[in-house]
Amino acid sequence: ASGMADVATGNNGQIYLVGTNGTF
């Protein structure tokens, strides 16, 4: 992954990110 700004995690190993350009 690249171009990312923030990260959060779920209960089963999921990763959620927002990009520096506001993408999800």
PDB file of all heavy atoms in Angstrom:
ATOM      1  N   ALA A   1       0.849  -1.199   0.000  1.00  0.00           N
ATOM      2  CA  ALA A   1       0.000   0.000   0.000  1.00  0.00           C
ATOM      3  C   ALA A   1       0.883   1.247   0.000  1.00  0.00           C
ATOM      4  O   ALA A   1       1.924   1.295   0.659  1.00  0.00           O
ATOM      5  CB  ALA A   1      -0.917   0.002   1.216  1.00  0.00           C
ATOM      6  N   SER A   2       0.423   2.274  -0.714  1.00  0.00           N
ATOM      7  CA  SER A   2       1.154   3.538  -0.746  1.00  0.00           C
ATOM      8  C   SER A   2       0.160   4.682  -0.899  1.00  0.00           C
ATOM      9  O   SER A   2      -1.003   4.469  -1.234  1.00  0.00           O
ATOM     10  CB  SER A   2       2.167   3.554  -1.905  1.00  0.00           C
ATOM     11  OG  SER A   2       1.504   3.407  -3.147  1.00  0.00           O
ATOM     12  N   GLY A   3       0.623   5.895  -0.624  1.00  0.00           N
ATOM     13  CA  GLY A   3      -0.244   7.058  -0.743  1.00  0.00           C
ATOM     14  C   GLY A   3      -1.310   7.126   0.324  1.00  0.00           C
ATOM     15  O   GLY A   3      -2.381   7.709   0.103  1.00  0.00           O
ATOM     16  N   MET A   4      -1.041   6.577   1.522  1.00  0.00           N
ATOM     17  CA  MET A   4      -2.030   6.494   2.575  1.00  0.00           C
ATOM     18  C   MET A   4      -1.824   7.571   3.642  1.00  0.00           C
ATOM     19  O   MET A   4      -0.724   8.062   3.844  1.00  0.00           O
ATOM     20  CB  MET A   4      -1.991   5.106   3.232  1.00  0.00           C
ATOM     21  CG  MET A   4      -2.327   3.989   2.257  1.00  0.00           C
ATOM     22  SD  MET A   4      -3.952   4.210   1.485  1.00  0.00           S
ATOM     23  CE  MET A   4      -3.874   3.036   0.135  1.00  0.00           C
ATOM     24  N   ALA A   5      -2.942   7.910   4.336  1.00  0.00           N
ATOM     25  CA  ALA A   5      -2.894   8.967   5.343  1.00  0.00           C
ATOM     26  C   ALA A   5      -3.291   8.488   6.730  1.00  0.00           C
ATOM     27  O   ALA A   5      -2.808   9.015   7.727  1.00  0.00           O
ATOM     28  CB  ALA A   5      -3.801  10.130   4.932  1.00  0.00           C
ATOM     29  N   ASP A   6      -4.187   7.492   6.811  1.00  0.00           N
ATOM     30  CA  ASP A   6      -4.635   7.010   8.117  1.00  0.00           C
ATOM     31  C   ASP A   6      -5.055   5.559   7.995  1.00  0.00           C
ATOM     32  O   ASP A   6      -5.417   5.082   6.903  1.00  0.00           O
ATOM     33  CB  ASP A   6      -5.800   7.861   8.637  1.00  0.00           C
ATOM     34  CG  ASP A   6      -6.035   7.664  10.133  1.00  0.00           C
ATOM     35  OD1 ASP A   6      -5.070   7.312  10.843  1.00  0.00           O
ATOM     36  OD2 ASP A   6      -7.170   7.861  10.593  1.00  0.00           O
ATOM     37  N   VAL A   7      -5.047   4.827   9.138  1.00  0.00           N
ATOM     38  CA  VAL A   7      -5.336   3.400   9.140  1.00  0.00           C
ATOM     39  C   VAL A   7      -6.154   3.034  10.368  1.00  0.00           C
ATOM     40  O   VAL A   7      -5.982   3.599  11.449  1.00  0.00           O
ATOM     41  CB  VAL A   7      -4.022   2.570   9.096  1.00  0.00           C
ATOM     42  CG1 VAL A   7      -3.127   2.892  10.292  1.00  0.00           C
ATOM     43  CG2 VAL A   7      -4.317   1.081   9.019  1.00  0.00           C
ATOM     44  N   ALA A   8      -7.081   2.078  10.194  1.00  0.00           N
ATOM     45  CA  ALA A   8      -7.849   1.493  11.294  1.00  0.00           C
ATOM     46  C   ALA A   8      -7.995   0.006  11.017  1.00  0.00           C
ATOM     47  O   ALA A   8      -7.841  -0.445   9.878  1.00  0.00           O
ATOM     48  CB  ALA A   8      -9.229   2.154  11.416  1.00  0.00           C
ATOM     49  N   THR A   9      -8.278  -0.779  12.057  1.00  0.00           N
ATOM     50  CA  THR A   9      -8.333  -2.229  11.913  1.00  0.00           C
ATOM     51  C   THR A   9      -9.635  -2.790  12.439  1.00  0.00           C
ATOM     52  O   THR A   9     -10.249  -2.256  13.358  1.00  0.00           O
ATOM     53  CB  THR A   9      -7.171  -2.894  12.674  1.00  0.00           C
ATOM     54  OG1 THR A   9      -7.266  -2.521  14.055  1.00  0.00           O
ATOM     55  CG2 THR A   9      -5.832  -2.429  12.125  1.00  0.00           C
ATOM     56  N   GLY A  10     -10.069  -3.924  11.837  1.00  0.00           N
ATOM     57  CA  GLY A  10     -11.262  -4.624  12.284  1.00  0.00           C
ATOM     58  C   GLY A  10     -10.912  -5.786  13.193  1.00  0.00           C
ATOM     59  O   GLY A  10      -9.749  -6.001  13.560  1.00  0.00           O
ATOM     60  N   ASN A  11     -11.930  -6.581  13.529  1.00  0.00           N
ATOM     61  CA  ASN A  11     -11.745  -7.672  14.482  1.00  0.00           C
ATOM     62  C   ASN A  11     -11.151  -8.928  13.869  1.00  0.00           C
ATOM     63  O   ASN A  11     -10.705  -9.812  14.582  1.00  0.00           O
ATOM     64  CB  ASN A  11     -13.090  -8.026  15.137  1.00  0.00           C
ATOM     65  CG  ASN A  11     -13.511  -7.010  16.178  1.00  0.00           C
ATOM     66  OD1 ASN A  11     -12.675  -6.354  16.785  1.00  0.00           O
ATOM     67  ND2 ASN A  11     -14.814  -6.867  16.373  1.00  0.00           N
ATOM     68  N   ASN A  12     -11.156  -9.052  12.547  1.00  0.00           N
ATOM     69  CA  ASN A  12     -10.697 -10.275  11.901  1.00  0.00           C
ATOM     70  C   ASN A  12      -9.548 -10.026  10.936  1.00  0.00           C
ATOM     71  O   ASN A  12      -9.409 -10.710   9.935  1.00  0.00           O
ATOM     72  CB  ASN A  12     -11.860 -10.937  11.158  1.00  0.00           C
ATOM     73  CG  ASN A  12     -12.970 -11.368  12.099  1.00  0.00           C
ATOM     74  OD1 ASN A  12     -12.762 -12.199  12.988  1.00  0.00           O
ATOM     75  ND2 ASN A  12     -14.153 -10.803  11.917  1.00  0.00           N
ATOM     76  N   GLY A  13      -8.726  -9.045  11.264  1.00  0.00           N
ATOM     77  CA  GLY A  13      -7.576  -8.765  10.426  1.00  0.00           C
ATOM     78  C   GLY A  13      -7.827  -7.793   9.298  1.00  0.00           C
ATOM     79  O   GLY A  13      -6.929  -7.530   8.503  1.00  0.00           O
ATOM     80  N   GLN A  14      -9.045  -7.251   9.211  1.00  0.00           N
ATOM     81  CA  GLN A  14      -9.319  -6.283   8.156  1.00  0.00           C
ATOM     82  C   GLN A  14      -8.557  -4.993   8.405  1.00  0.00           C
ATOM     83  O   GLN A  14      -8.360  -4.589   9.540  1.00  0.00           O
ATOM     84  CB  GLN A  14     -10.820  -5.967   8.066  1.00  0.00           C
ATOM     85  CG  GLN A  14     -11.713  -7.171   7.911  1.00  0.00           C
ATOM     86  CD  GLN A  14     -12.292  -7.599   9.226  1.00  0.00           C
ATOM     87  OE1 GLN A  14     -11.588  -7.696  10.229  1.00  0.00           O
ATOM     88  NE2 GLN A  14     -13.587  -7.863   9.249  1.00  0.00           N
ATOM     89  N   ILE A  15      -8.157  -4.341   7.341  1.00  0.00           N
ATOM     90  CA  ILE A  15      -7.468  -3.062   7.423  1.00  0.00           C
ATOM     91  C   ILE A  15      -8.250  -2.050   6.599  1.00  0.00           C
ATOM     92  O   ILE A  15      -8.601  -2.308   5.444  1.00  0.00           O
ATOM     93  CB  ILE A  15      -6.032  -3.149   6.897  1.00  0.00           C
ATOM     94  CG1 ILE A  15      -5.278  -4.284   7.591  1.00  0.00           C
ATOM     95  CG2 ILE A  15      -5.294  -1.829   7.103  1.00  0.00           C
ATOM     96  CD1 ILE A  15      -3.940  -4.588   6.953  1.00  0.00           C
ATOM     97  N   TYR A  16      -8.541  -0.919   7.194  1.00  0.00           N
ATOM     98  CA  TYR A  16      -9.253   0.156   6.510  1.00  0.00           C
ATOM     99  C   TYR A  16      -8.323   1.359   6.438  1.00  0.00           C
ATOM    100  O   TYR A  16      -7.701   1.730   7.432  1.00  0.00           O
ATOM    101  CB  TYR A  16     -10.526   0.527   7.267  1.00  0.00           C
ATOM    102  CG  TYR A  16     -11.465  -0.634   7.495  1.00  0.00           C
ATOM    103  CD1 TYR A  16     -11.308  -1.487   8.584  1.00  0.00           C
ATOM    104  CD2 TYR A  16     -12.515  -0.888   6.610  1.00  0.00           C
ATOM    105  CE1 TYR A  16     -12.164  -2.554   8.794  1.00  0.00           C
ATOM    106  CE2 TYR A  16     -13.375  -1.953   6.808  1.00  0.00           C
ATOM    107  CZ  TYR A  16     -13.199  -2.784   7.905  1.00  0.00           C
ATOM    108  OH  TYR A  16     -14.046  -3.841   8.112  1.00  0.00           O
ATOM    109  N   LEU A  17      -8.251   1.981   5.269  1.00  0.00           N
ATOM    110  CA  LEU A  17      -7.324   3.094   5.078  1.00  0.00           C
ATOM    111  C   LEU A  17      -7.987   4.233   4.315  1.00  0.00           C
ATOM    112  O   LEU A  17      -8.897   4.002   3.518  1.00  0.00           O
ATOM    113  CB  LEU A  17      -6.100   2.642   4.287  1.00  0.00           C
ATOM    114  CG  LEU A  17      -5.248   1.523   4.873  1.00  0.00           C
ATOM    115  CD1 LEU A  17      -5.143   0.387   3.874  1.00  0.00           C
ATOM    116  CD2 LEU A  17      -3.865   2.023   5.224  1.00  0.00           C
ATOM    117  N   VAL A  18      -7.497   5.438   4.571  1.00  0.00           N
ATOM    118  CA  VAL A  18      -7.838   6.563   3.712  1.00  0.00           C
ATOM    119  C   VAL A  18      -6.540   7.076   3.103  1.00  0.00           C
ATOM    120  O   VAL A  18      -5.487   7.112   3.748  1.00  0.00           O
ATOM    121  CB  VAL A  18      -8.562   7.688   4.475  1.00  0.00           C
ATOM    122  CG1 VAL A  18      -9.952   7.238   4.865  1.00  0.00           C
ATOM    123  CG2 VAL A  18      -7.787   8.139   5.700  1.00  0.00           C
ATOM    124  N   GLY A  19      -6.627   7.431   1.825  1.00  0.00           N
ATOM    125  CA  GLY A  19      -5.457   7.902   1.119  1.00  0.00           C
ATOM    126  C   GLY A  19      -5.221   9.387   1.317  1.00  0.00           C
ATOM    127  O   GLY A  19      -6.099  10.124   1.775  1.00  0.00           O
ATOM    128  N   THR A  20      -4.045   9.818   0.956  1.00  0.00           N
ATOM    129  CA  THR A  20      -3.730  11.240   1.056  1.00  0.00           C
ATOM    130  C   THR A  20      -4.610  12.069   0.128  1.00  0.00           C
ATOM    131  O   THR A  20      -4.759  13.279   0.329  1.00  0.00           O
ATOM    132  CB  THR A  20      -2.255  11.482   0.710  1.00  0.00           C
ATOM    133  OG1 THR A  20      -1.968  10.896  -0.577  1.00  0.00           O
ATOM    134  CG2 THR A  20      -1.342  10.850   1.750  1.00  0.00           C
ATOM    135  N   ASN A  21      -5.218  11.424  -0.874  1.00  0.00           N
ATOM    136  CA  ASN A  21      -6.134  12.112  -1.780  1.00  0.00           C
ATOM    137  C   ASN A  21      -7.593  11.936  -1.384  1.00  0.00           C
ATOM    138  O   ASN A  21      -8.496  12.260  -2.158  1.00  0.00           O
ATOM    139  CB  ASN A  21      -5.924  11.625  -3.214  1.00  0.00           C
ATOM    140  CG  ASN A  21      -6.165  10.123  -3.364  1.00  0.00           C
ATOM    141  OD1 ASN A  21      -6.408   9.422  -2.378  1.00  0.00           O
ATOM    142  ND2 ASN A  21      -6.090   9.636  -4.583  1.00  0.00           N
ATOM    143  N   GLY A  22      -7.854  11.390  -0.159  1.00  0.00           N
ATOM    144  CA  GLY A  22      -9.211  11.233   0.342  1.00  0.00           C
ATOM    145  C   GLY A  22      -9.903   9.957  -0.058  1.00  0.00           C
ATOM    146  O   GLY A  22     -11.071   9.736   0.298  1.00  0.00           O
ATOM    147  N   THR A  23      -9.239   9.067  -0.777  1.00  0.00           N
ATOM    148  CA  THR A  23      -9.841   7.808  -1.197  1.00  0.00           C
ATOM    149  C   THR A  23      -9.941   6.832  -0.028  1.00  0.00           C
ATOM    150  O   THR A  23      -9.285   6.994   1.004  1.00  0.00           O
ATOM    151  CB  THR A  23      -9.021   7.173  -2.325  1.00  0.00           C
ATOM    152  OG1 THR A  23      -7.643   7.094  -1.907  1.00  0.00           O
ATOM    153  CG2 THR A  23      -9.127   8.017  -3.586  1.00  0.00           C
ATOM    154  N   PHE A  24     -10.757   5.783  -0.207  1.00  0.00           N
ATOM    155  CA  PHE A  24     -11.015   4.796   0.846  1.00  0.00           C
ATOM    156  C   PHE A  24     -10.562   3.428   0.349  1.00  0.00           C
ATOM    157  O   PHE A  24     -10.917   3.011  -0.766  1.00  0.00           O
ATOM    158  CB  PHE A  24     -12.506   4.782   1.178  1.00  0.00           C
ATOM    159  CG  PHE A  24     -12.886   3.801   2.243  1.00  0.00           C
ATOM    160  CD1 PHE A  24     -12.764   4.132   3.581  1.00  0.00           C
ATOM    161  CD2 PHE A  24     -13.364   2.540   1.908  1.00  0.00           C
ATOM    162  CE1 PHE A  24     -13.118   3.227   4.572  1.00  0.00           C
ATOM    163  CE2 PHE A  24     -13.722   1.637   2.889  1.00  0.00           C
ATOM    164  CZ  PHE A  24     -13.594   1.978   4.219  1.00  0.00           C
TER     165      PHE A  24
END
